[in-house]
Amino acid sequence: MTFSADLGLAYPELILAIGAMLLLVVGAFAPKSARLVGWGGVLVLAAAAVQAATGPFGRGFSGGMIADAASAFSQVAIFAGSAVAIPLGQRWFERRGVHNFEFPVLILLSALGMGMMVSAGDLISLYVGVELQSLALYVLAALRRDDAKASEAGLKYFVLGALSSGLLLYGASLVYGFAGSTVFTDIAKAVHGGAQTGVLFGLVFLICGLAFKVSAAPFHMWTPDVYEGAPTPVVAFFAGAPKLAAMVLFARLLAEAFGGAIVQWQQVLVALGLISVGVGAFAGLAQTNLKRLWAYSSIANVGYAIIGLAAGNAEGVTSMLVFMVLYMVDVTGFFACLAALSRKGKSMETLEDMAGLFKEQPGIALAMTAFSLSALGLPPFSGFWAKVFVFKAAMGAGILGEGAAVLGLVGSVVAAFYYLRLIKVMWFDGAVGPTDQPPVEARAIAIGLALFSFPVVLGALIWIYPAAQRAAHAFGLA
């Protein structure tokens, strides 16, 4: 392909990069224009999503970038999730006297990195995309510099993120050394051609590095502390879209570069998935801080998505994509509810704070109930259908024996305790005191996303599932 054709494939990323730089200049020269920069960021993300959905498909930059149905599906979902985070976060910061124009710019840069991740075609673009989104997330976690918890969260995230980057680089160097190329299609040829042992040794490190990014156990140690310390709307952002991007990158790497070693990595993914489900379910039982509780919930839910991916076929990848999109709605909506709630100017983040919430804020209490039941997997909420697709794909591929399937279901039953405990506290306990009036943006986002978790999602699945199927087949899986 010519260079101009290569650039055509990168239009969504170029829109984000140019938009972020322009908004950075606007914010620097007009510090009081934070709201303008924020809505400008939403427009840039919308333009990038439209371009991703309608742009040309193909491979460019010597195989380093892939624009296909999978990247288009993922980018539209990622950019939509990023766009929701901007108004949610800006209003939250303004209520606390912080007027940062950097917030939407960092969201755009993180979305740029995620766009590169889902369209990566070689190990170099993989690493650049991962690091670009990670560096922006480190800063977002510590954006409240006067808050000791936020600074601690950003530092922990950065230090442990550097460890995962080291694992990624070491794995990439081993794969390059044994395969002789960084391009996924060339690596696949090396795996089929007999360079399997050394390449697979590198794959182990790549899996470990990416498992950190999706907070899969036992690489989850950063998640509870970062969720608790980071600003609530920031958690709403990086609990959803970045994990979807990392899971899509996971799928592309395994399917396109290591499709010939499916038997080997299937076993690793099943173990990762089941360990994550167990850790998330049992460790969450002791949590009273809702941000830490949902950190363990995210660990468990990522475990289910990994089990779907472990199926190693198009149905498995489809189930993973549907699961991650629906989970992104749930987790973003739940943290939007938390961002909307405060009492006497103080954030409400513990179980005690939620006592009697239904009497004070019935709309938000209903929304939190819907998100909790959906994350639990109770029918007919969206999370139920997501888990149905995952277990159907895993059982159909024969990777889950009866024992493993039972472990996965037991995890859901155990986790039901902390979801139902939250609902009981909101609906039946006595109110602690009156809550502050929630901001319009957060309330609208929370209730709007809650409608998506209700049976309305069945209509949405008519579009989501076929689009996910097309995306899965783009990886070349049967």
Protein backbone atom coordinates (compact mmCIF):
# COMPACT_ATOMS: atom_id res chain seq x y z
CA MET A 1 0.00 0.00 0.00
CA THR A 2 1.07 3.60 -0.58
CA PHE A 3 1.76 5.95 2.30
CA SER A 4 -1.43 7.91 1.60
CA ALA A 5 -3.44 4.67 1.75
CA ASP A 6 -1.72 3.80 5.04
CA LEU A 7 -2.74 7.18 6.45
CA GLY A 8 -6.31 6.49 5.36
CA LEU A 9 -6.38 3.47 7.65
CA ALA A 10 -5.16 5.63 10.55
CA TYR A 11 -7.76 8.41 10.23
CA PRO A 12 -9.46 7.63 13.59
CA GLU A 13 -6.10 7.83 15.39
CA LEU A 14 -5.10 10.97 13.47
CA ILE A 15 -8.39 12.67 14.40
CA LEU A 16 -7.73 11.91 18.07
CA ALA A 17 -4.07 12.99 17.97
CA ILE A 18 -4.71 16.27 16.16
CA GLY A 19 -7.82 16.98 18.26
CA ALA A 20 -5.92 16.38 21.51
CA MET A 21 -3.09 18.73 20.49
CA LEU A 22 -5.49 21.49 19.40
CA LEU A 23 -7.51 21.25 22.60
CA LEU A 24 -4.30 21.28 24.64
CA VAL A 25 -3.32 24.57 22.99
CA VAL A 26 -6.80 26.03 23.60
CA GLY A 27 -6.68 25.02 27.26
CA ALA A 28 -3.16 26.39 27.74
CA PHE A 29 -3.97 29.83 26.31
CA ALA A 30 -7.49 30.04 27.75
CA PRO A 31 -7.35 28.36 31.18
CA LYS A 32 -11.02 29.18 31.92
CA SER A 33 -12.22 27.26 28.88
CA ALA A 34 -12.31 23.83 30.59
CA ARG A 35 -15.97 23.27 29.66
CA LEU A 36 -15.27 24.21 26.03
CA VAL A 37 -12.30 21.84 25.89
CA GLY A 38 -14.45 19.09 27.42
CA TRP A 39 -17.25 19.33 24.87
CA GLY A 40 -14.63 19.69 22.13
CA GLY A 41 -13.18 16.37 23.31
CA VAL A 42 -16.62 14.74 23.05
CA LEU A 43 -16.96 15.99 19.46
CA VAL A 44 -13.48 14.71 18.56
CA LEU A 45 -14.31 11.26 19.95
CA ALA A 46 -17.62 11.23 18.05
CA ALA A 47 -15.82 12.12 14.81
CA ALA A 48 -13.23 9.39 15.40
CA ALA A 49 -16.00 6.83 16.09
CA VAL A 50 -17.82 7.74 12.87
CA GLN A 51 -14.58 7.47 10.91
CA ALA A 52 -13.77 4.09 12.48
CA ALA A 53 -17.22 2.76 11.58
CA THR A 54 -17.13 3.99 7.98
CA GLY A 55 -13.44 4.09 7.11
CA PRO A 56 -11.55 1.75 4.76
CA PHE A 57 -10.29 -1.67 5.87
CA GLY A 58 -6.88 -3.13 5.19
CA ARG A 59 -3.33 -3.57 6.49
CA GLY A 60 -0.86 -0.71 6.46
CA PHE A 61 2.53 0.49 7.69
CA SER A 62 4.23 -2.79 6.70
CA GLY A 63 1.73 -4.84 8.67
CA GLY A 64 1.95 -2.69 11.80
CA MET A 65 -1.65 -1.50 11.59
CA ILE A 66 -4.81 -3.47 10.86
CA ALA A 67 -8.13 -1.81 10.11
CA ASP A 68 -10.87 -4.42 9.99
CA ALA A 69 -14.27 -5.26 11.45
CA ALA A 70 -12.69 -6.07 14.82
CA SER A 71 -10.88 -2.73 15.14
CA ALA A 72 -13.97 -0.83 13.95
CA PHE A 73 -16.29 -2.56 16.45
CA SER A 74 -13.84 -2.03 19.30
CA GLN A 75 -13.01 1.57 18.49
CA VAL A 76 -16.66 2.61 18.29
CA ALA A 77 -17.31 1.08 21.74
CA ILE A 78 -14.08 2.52 23.22
CA PHE A 79 -14.65 6.03 21.89
CA ALA A 80 -18.26 5.98 23.10
CA GLY A 81 -17.14 4.97 26.60
CA SER A 82 -14.46 7.67 26.56
CA ALA A 83 -16.96 10.32 25.45
CA VAL A 84 -19.28 9.49 28.38
CA ALA A 85 -16.39 9.90 30.84
CA ILE A 86 -15.66 13.53 29.88
CA PRO A 87 -18.86 15.32 31.02
CA LEU A 88 -19.14 12.92 33.97
CA GLY A 89 -15.63 13.75 35.17
CA GLN A 90 -15.61 17.49 34.49
CA ARG A 91 -18.74 18.16 36.55
CA TRP A 92 -17.38 16.00 39.39
CA PHE A 93 -14.10 17.94 39.48
CA GLU A 94 -15.89 21.30 39.27
CA ARG A 95 -17.98 20.47 42.33
CA ARG A 96 -14.70 20.06 44.23
CA GLY A 97 -13.22 23.32 43.01
CA VAL A 98 -10.92 21.74 40.41
CA HIS A 99 -11.06 23.17 36.88
CA ASN A 100 -8.65 21.00 34.89
CA PHE A 101 -8.72 21.34 31.11
CA GLU A 102 -6.15 18.52 31.06
CA PHE A 103 -8.79 15.92 31.95
CA PRO A 104 -10.47 15.68 28.50
CA VAL A 105 -7.07 15.92 26.77
CA LEU A 106 -5.78 12.95 28.76
CA ILE A 107 -8.96 11.02 27.93
CA LEU A 108 -8.32 11.66 24.22
CA LEU A 109 -4.69 10.55 24.47
CA SER A 110 -5.71 7.40 26.32
CA ALA A 111 -8.37 6.71 23.67
CA LEU A 112 -5.69 7.20 21.01
CA GLY A 113 -3.56 4.53 22.68
CA MET A 114 -6.55 2.18 22.91
CA GLY A 115 -7.32 2.76 19.23
CA MET A 116 -3.75 1.74 18.40
CA MET A 117 -4.02 -1.33 20.63
CA VAL A 118 -7.07 -2.80 18.90
CA SER A 119 -5.58 -2.20 15.44
CA ALA A 120 -2.03 -3.36 16.25
CA GLY A 121 -0.52 -5.72 13.71
CA ASP A 122 2.94 -6.17 15.17
CA LEU A 123 4.68 -6.15 18.55
CA ILE A 124 5.98 -2.59 18.14
CA SER A 125 2.57 -0.99 17.58
CA LEU A 126 1.21 -3.24 20.34
CA TYR A 127 3.71 -1.81 22.82
CA VAL A 128 3.35 1.80 21.69
CA GLY A 129 -0.45 1.60 22.01
CA VAL A 130 -0.30 -0.02 25.45
CA GLU A 131 2.16 2.54 26.79
CA LEU A 132 0.31 5.54 25.35
CA GLN A 133 -2.95 4.61 27.02
CA SER A 134 -1.18 3.57 30.23
CA LEU A 135 0.78 6.81 30.65
CA ALA A 136 -2.40 8.85 30.30
CA LEU A 137 -4.15 6.62 32.86
CA TYR A 138 -1.31 7.02 35.38
CA VAL A 139 -1.75 10.80 35.24
CA LEU A 140 -5.55 10.57 35.40
CA ALA A 141 -5.36 8.41 38.53
CA ALA A 142 -3.29 11.11 40.29
CA LEU A 143 -5.06 14.13 38.79
CA ARG A 144 -6.05 15.45 42.23
CA ARG A 145 -2.56 16.32 43.36
CA ASP A 146 -3.75 17.64 46.74
CA ASP A 147 -5.34 14.28 47.57
CA ALA A 148 -2.93 11.85 49.23
CA LYS A 149 -5.00 8.80 48.23
CA ALA A 150 -5.10 9.85 44.57
CA SER A 151 -1.34 10.48 44.52
CA GLU A 152 -0.73 7.10 46.11
CA ALA A 153 -3.04 5.42 43.58
CA GLY A 154 -1.22 7.04 40.65
CA LEU A 155 2.19 6.04 42.03
CA LYS A 156 1.15 2.43 42.66
CA TYR A 157 -0.39 2.21 39.22
CA PHE A 158 2.76 3.63 37.63
CA VAL A 159 5.23 1.39 39.49
CA LEU A 160 3.29 -1.82 38.89
CA GLY A 161 2.51 -0.72 35.34
CA ALA A 162 6.24 -0.39 34.72
CA LEU A 163 6.63 -4.00 35.86
CA SER A 164 4.00 -5.17 33.37
CA SER A 165 5.69 -3.12 30.62
CA GLY A 166 8.92 -4.91 31.40
CA LEU A 167 7.20 -8.27 31.05
CA LEU A 168 5.72 -7.18 27.71
CA LEU A 169 9.08 -5.99 26.40
CA TYR A 170 10.92 -9.10 27.54
CA GLY A 171 8.29 -11.34 25.95
CA ALA A 172 8.36 -9.30 22.73
CA SER A 173 12.16 -9.51 22.55
CA LEU A 174 12.07 -13.30 22.98
CA VAL A 175 9.41 -13.68 20.30
CA TYR A 176 11.36 -11.45 17.93
CA GLY A 177 14.58 -13.32 18.63
CA PHE A 178 13.11 -16.74 17.84
CA ALA A 179 10.63 -15.75 15.13
CA GLY A 180 12.84 -13.20 13.37
CA SER A 181 9.99 -10.70 12.98
CA THR A 182 7.65 -8.53 15.03
CA VAL A 183 4.71 -8.79 12.59
CA PHE A 184 1.90 -11.08 13.78
CA THR A 185 1.55 -12.92 10.44
CA ASP A 186 5.30 -13.68 10.34
CA ILE A 187 5.25 -14.89 13.94
CA ALA A 188 2.40 -17.25 13.00
CA LYS A 189 4.57 -18.71 10.23
CA ALA A 190 7.42 -19.25 12.69
CA VAL A 191 5.10 -21.05 15.10
CA HIS A 192 3.94 -23.37 12.32
CA GLY A 193 7.50 -23.72 11.04
CA GLY A 194 8.99 -25.24 14.17
CA ALA A 195 10.31 -22.25 16.17
CA GLN A 196 7.67 -23.07 18.73
CA THR A 197 9.49 -23.58 22.03
CA GLY A 198 11.32 -20.26 22.18
CA VAL A 199 8.40 -18.29 20.75
CA LEU A 200 5.99 -19.82 23.26
CA PHE A 201 8.37 -18.94 26.07
CA GLY A 202 8.05 -15.32 24.96
CA LEU A 203 4.28 -15.69 24.70
CA VAL A 204 4.11 -16.54 28.41
CA PHE A 205 5.60 -13.14 29.26
CA LEU A 206 3.29 -11.38 26.81
CA ILE A 207 0.27 -13.04 28.44
CA CYS A 208 1.50 -12.00 31.90
CA GLY A 209 1.93 -8.38 30.78
CA LEU A 210 -1.52 -8.20 29.21
CA ALA A 211 -3.10 -10.00 32.18
CA PHE A 212 -1.92 -7.09 34.32
CA LYS A 213 -3.65 -4.61 32.00
CA VAL A 214 -6.99 -6.38 32.36
CA SER A 215 -6.39 -6.99 36.11
CA ALA A 216 -6.67 -10.76 35.84
CA ALA A 217 -5.55 -12.70 38.93
CA PRO A 218 -2.82 -13.26 40.02
CA PHE A 219 -1.78 -9.97 38.34
CA HIS A 220 -4.54 -7.97 40.01
CA MET A 221 -2.65 -6.54 42.99
CA TRP A 222 -2.92 -2.93 41.77
CA THR A 223 -6.65 -2.91 41.15
CA PRO A 224 -8.31 -2.45 44.60
CA ASP A 225 -5.91 0.26 45.77
CA VAL A 226 -6.05 2.22 42.51
CA TYR A 227 -9.85 1.99 42.31
CA GLU A 228 -10.17 3.23 45.89
CA GLY A 229 -7.70 6.12 45.58
CA ALA A 230 -8.41 7.44 42.09
CA PRO A 231 -11.20 10.00 41.48
CA THR A 232 -14.54 8.23 40.96
CA PRO A 233 -15.16 9.38 37.34
CA VAL A 234 -11.61 8.37 36.43
CA VAL A 235 -12.35 4.88 37.77
CA ALA A 236 -15.56 4.87 35.71
CA PHE A 237 -13.38 5.44 32.66
CA PHE A 238 -10.51 3.04 33.19
CA ALA A 239 -12.65 0.21 34.56
CA GLY A 240 -14.36 -0.09 31.18
CA ALA A 241 -12.82 1.05 27.89
CA PRO A 242 -9.13 0.22 28.62
CA LYS A 243 -10.05 -3.32 29.62
CA LEU A 244 -12.07 -3.80 26.45
CA ALA A 245 -9.08 -2.58 24.43
CA ALA A 246 -6.69 -4.91 26.25
CA MET A 247 -8.99 -7.91 25.75
CA VAL A 248 -9.29 -7.19 22.02
CA LEU A 249 -5.52 -6.90 21.79
CA PHE A 250 -5.27 -10.18 23.71
CA ALA A 251 -7.57 -11.83 21.16
CA ARG A 252 -5.74 -10.44 18.13
CA LEU A 253 -2.32 -11.44 19.45
CA LEU A 254 -3.37 -14.99 20.27
CA ALA A 255 -5.47 -15.57 17.15
CA GLU A 256 -3.25 -13.97 14.52
CA ALA A 257 0.26 -14.55 15.88
CA PHE A 258 -0.18 -17.71 17.96
CA GLY A 259 -3.15 -19.44 16.32
CA GLY A 260 -0.94 -22.46 15.69
CA ALA A 261 -0.32 -22.91 19.42
CA ILE A 262 -3.93 -22.79 20.54
CA VAL A 263 -3.68 -25.94 22.66
CA GLN A 264 -0.89 -24.42 24.73
CA TRP A 265 -2.40 -21.00 25.43
CA GLN A 266 -5.91 -22.37 25.98
CA GLN A 267 -4.74 -24.07 29.15
CA VAL A 268 -3.12 -20.89 30.45
CA LEU A 269 -6.22 -18.78 29.76
CA VAL A 270 -8.58 -21.25 31.43
CA ALA A 271 -6.39 -21.19 34.55
CA LEU A 272 -6.21 -17.36 34.49
CA GLY A 273 -9.96 -17.10 34.06
CA LEU A 274 -10.90 -19.48 36.87
CA ILE A 275 -8.36 -17.98 39.30
CA SER A 276 -9.72 -14.51 38.53
CA VAL A 277 -13.31 -15.62 39.13
CA GLY A 278 -12.34 -17.19 42.46
CA VAL A 279 -10.24 -14.26 43.70
CA GLY A 280 -12.83 -11.68 42.65
CA ALA A 281 -15.71 -13.57 44.26
CA PHE A 282 -14.16 -14.49 47.60
CA ALA A 283 -11.97 -11.43 48.21
CA GLY A 284 -14.93 -9.13 47.52
CA LEU A 285 -16.85 -10.58 50.48
CA ALA A 286 -14.80 -8.62 53.02
CA GLN A 287 -15.06 -5.23 51.31
CA THR A 288 -17.13 -2.34 52.68
CA ASN A 289 -15.72 0.34 50.37
CA LEU A 290 -17.78 0.17 47.17
CA LYS A 291 -14.88 1.14 44.91
CA ARG A 292 -12.76 -1.70 46.28
CA LEU A 293 -15.75 -4.04 46.09
CA TRP A 294 -16.23 -3.28 42.40
CA ALA A 295 -12.51 -3.68 41.86
CA TYR A 296 -12.87 -7.32 42.90
CA SER A 297 -16.07 -7.55 40.88
CA SER A 298 -14.11 -6.42 37.81
CA ILE A 299 -11.45 -9.07 38.47
CA ALA A 300 -14.14 -11.76 38.53
CA ASN A 301 -15.88 -10.46 35.42
CA VAL A 302 -12.63 -10.24 33.46
CA GLY A 303 -12.16 -13.89 34.41
CA TYR A 304 -15.41 -14.78 32.64
CA ALA A 305 -14.33 -12.84 29.54
CA ILE A 306 -10.99 -14.70 29.50
CA ILE A 307 -12.83 -18.03 29.72
CA GLY A 308 -14.80 -17.03 26.62
CA LEU A 309 -11.60 -16.07 24.80
CA ALA A 310 -10.02 -19.39 25.79
CA ALA A 311 -12.52 -21.20 23.57
CA GLY A 312 -10.13 -20.30 20.74
CA ASN A 313 -12.79 -20.01 18.05
CA ALA A 314 -14.98 -17.32 16.51
CA GLU A 315 -17.84 -18.06 18.89
CA GLY A 316 -15.54 -17.62 21.88
CA VAL A 317 -14.20 -14.27 20.67
CA THR A 318 -17.76 -13.14 19.89
CA SER A 319 -18.84 -14.00 23.42
CA MET A 320 -15.86 -12.12 24.86
CA LEU A 321 -16.61 -8.99 22.81
CA VAL A 322 -20.30 -8.98 23.75
CA PHE A 323 -19.41 -9.63 27.40
CA MET A 324 -16.89 -6.76 27.56
CA VAL A 325 -19.19 -4.24 25.86
CA LEU A 326 -22.09 -5.07 28.19
CA TYR A 327 -19.78 -5.07 31.22
CA MET A 328 -18.41 -1.67 30.18
CA VAL A 329 -21.97 -0.32 30.33
CA ASP A 330 -22.52 -1.79 33.81
CA VAL A 331 -19.28 -0.64 35.39
CA THR A 332 -19.41 2.84 33.84
CA GLY A 333 -23.00 3.23 34.99
CA PHE A 334 -22.28 2.09 38.54
CA PHE A 335 -19.42 4.54 38.97
CA ALA A 336 -21.55 7.26 37.37
CA CYS A 337 -24.01 6.63 40.23
CA LEU A 338 -21.21 6.97 42.78
CA ALA A 339 -20.02 10.16 41.08
CA ALA A 340 -23.54 11.58 41.38
CA LEU A 341 -23.80 10.92 45.11
CA SER A 342 -22.48 13.06 47.94
CA ARG A 343 -23.57 14.06 51.42
CA LYS A 344 -22.57 17.48 52.80
CA GLY A 345 -20.02 17.76 50.00
CA LYS A 346 -18.35 14.43 50.86
CA SER A 347 -18.33 11.53 48.40
CA MET A 348 -20.46 8.51 49.32
CA GLU A 349 -18.26 5.45 48.79
CA THR A 350 -19.03 2.95 51.56
CA LEU A 351 -21.87 0.54 52.27
CA GLU A 352 -22.85 2.63 55.31
CA ASP A 353 -23.21 5.70 53.11
CA MET A 354 -25.78 3.88 50.95
CA ALA A 355 -28.17 3.14 53.82
CA GLY A 356 -31.71 4.18 52.88
CA LEU A 357 -30.63 5.56 49.51
CA PHE A 358 -33.90 4.48 47.88
CA LYS A 359 -35.79 6.93 50.09
CA GLU A 360 -33.46 9.80 49.23
CA GLN A 361 -32.59 9.16 45.57
CA PRO A 362 -34.93 6.49 44.17
CA GLY A 363 -33.77 6.94 40.56
CA ILE A 364 -30.10 6.43 41.36
CA ALA A 365 -30.89 3.59 43.78
CA LEU A 366 -32.83 1.80 41.03
CA ALA A 367 -29.95 2.34 38.61
CA MET A 368 -27.40 0.93 41.10
CA THR A 369 -29.69 -2.04 41.68
CA ALA A 370 -29.86 -2.71 37.95
CA PHE A 371 -26.07 -2.51 37.55
CA SER A 372 -25.50 -4.79 40.56
CA LEU A 373 -27.96 -7.43 39.37
CA SER A 374 -26.50 -7.24 35.86
CA ALA A 375 -22.93 -7.71 37.15
CA LEU A 376 -24.25 -10.62 39.21
CA GLY A 377 -25.68 -12.18 36.05
CA LEU A 378 -29.32 -12.31 37.08
CA PRO A 379 -31.84 -12.66 34.22
CA PRO A 380 -33.10 -10.76 32.33
CA PHE A 381 -30.35 -8.15 32.84
CA SER A 382 -27.55 -7.72 30.32
CA GLY A 383 -24.92 -9.48 32.45
CA PHE A 384 -26.95 -12.68 32.36
CA TRP A 385 -26.89 -12.82 28.56
CA ALA A 386 -23.19 -11.99 28.54
CA LYS A 387 -22.41 -14.96 30.82
CA VAL A 388 -24.69 -17.23 28.80
CA PHE A 389 -22.69 -16.48 25.64
CA VAL A 390 -19.36 -17.04 27.45
CA PHE A 391 -20.29 -20.39 29.02
CA LYS A 392 -21.97 -21.59 25.84
CA ALA A 393 -18.79 -20.89 23.84
CA ALA A 394 -16.49 -22.45 26.45
CA MET A 395 -18.58 -25.60 26.86
CA GLY A 396 -18.99 -25.91 23.09
CA ALA A 397 -15.23 -25.81 22.62
CA GLY A 398 -14.75 -28.48 25.26
CA ILE A 399 -12.28 -26.43 27.32
CA LEU A 400 -14.41 -26.51 30.48
CA GLY A 401 -14.88 -29.85 32.13
CA GLU A 402 -17.72 -30.30 34.57
CA GLY A 403 -15.48 -29.32 37.48
CA ALA A 404 -14.26 -26.11 35.84
CA ALA A 405 -17.78 -25.11 34.80
CA VAL A 406 -19.01 -25.67 38.36
CA LEU A 407 -16.17 -23.48 39.72
CA GLY A 408 -17.21 -20.68 37.40
CA LEU A 409 -20.84 -20.93 38.48
CA VAL A 410 -19.87 -21.13 42.17
CA GLY A 411 -17.99 -17.87 41.71
CA SER A 412 -21.19 -16.20 40.54
CA VAL A 413 -23.13 -17.58 43.52
CA VAL A 414 -20.52 -16.40 46.03
CA ALA A 415 -20.32 -12.93 44.46
CA ALA A 416 -24.11 -12.67 44.72
CA PHE A 417 -23.68 -12.03 48.45
CA TYR A 418 -21.97 -8.67 48.12
CA TYR A 419 -24.23 -7.45 45.33
CA LEU A 420 -27.37 -8.40 47.26
CA ARG A 421 -25.96 -6.93 50.48
CA LEU A 422 -25.61 -3.56 48.73
CA ILE A 423 -29.19 -3.75 47.43
CA LYS A 424 -30.49 -4.65 50.91
CA VAL A 425 -28.68 -1.68 52.46
CA MET A 426 -30.06 0.74 49.85
CA TRP A 427 -33.65 -0.48 50.01
CA PHE A 428 -34.27 -1.57 53.59
CA ASP A 429 -31.83 0.16 55.98
CA GLY A 430 -32.59 3.48 57.64
CA ALA A 431 -31.27 6.61 55.93
CA VAL A 432 -28.11 8.17 57.39
CA GLY A 433 -29.13 11.67 56.31
CA PRO A 434 -30.18 13.73 53.29
CA THR A 435 -27.97 13.54 50.19
CA ASP A 436 -26.83 16.49 48.11
CA GLN A 437 -28.63 17.28 44.87
CA PRO A 438 -26.89 15.13 42.20
CA PRO A 439 -25.49 16.91 39.13
CA VAL A 440 -27.63 16.65 36.02
CA GLU A 441 -24.91 15.05 33.84
CA ALA A 442 -24.06 12.22 36.26
CA ARG A 443 -27.71 11.49 37.01
CA ALA A 444 -28.62 11.38 33.31
CA ILE A 445 -25.67 9.12 32.44
CA ALA A 446 -26.39 6.74 35.33
CA ILE A 447 -30.10 6.35 34.59
CA GLY A 448 -29.55 6.23 30.82
CA LEU A 449 -27.02 3.39 31.12
CA ALA A 450 -29.28 1.60 33.60
CA LEU A 451 -32.00 1.41 30.94
CA PHE A 452 -29.45 -0.42 28.79
CA SER A 453 -28.97 -3.02 31.53
CA PHE A 454 -32.69 -3.70 31.76
CA PRO A 455 -34.43 -5.98 29.21
CA VAL A 456 -34.10 -3.13 26.72
CA VAL A 457 -30.69 -4.69 26.07
CA LEU A 458 -32.37 -7.51 24.17
CA GLY A 459 -33.11 -5.02 21.42
CA ALA A 460 -29.55 -3.74 21.53
CA LEU A 461 -28.22 -7.30 21.19
CA ILE A 462 -29.88 -7.49 17.77
CA TRP A 463 -27.15 -5.06 16.67
CA ILE A 464 -24.32 -5.87 19.06
CA TYR A 465 -24.13 -9.65 18.58
CA PRO A 466 -23.94 -9.68 14.74
CA ALA A 467 -21.36 -6.86 14.85
CA ALA A 468 -19.32 -8.86 17.37
CA GLN A 469 -19.58 -11.93 15.12
CA ARG A 470 -18.18 -9.98 12.16
CA ALA A 471 -15.40 -8.68 14.38
CA ALA A 472 -14.50 -12.18 15.59
CA HIS A 473 -14.34 -13.59 12.06
CA ALA A 474 -11.89 -10.79 11.14
CA PHE A 475 -9.31 -12.60 13.29
CA GLY A 476 -9.45 -15.55 10.88
CA LEU A 477 -10.94 -17.96 13.40
CA ALA A 478 -13.39 -20.68 12.44
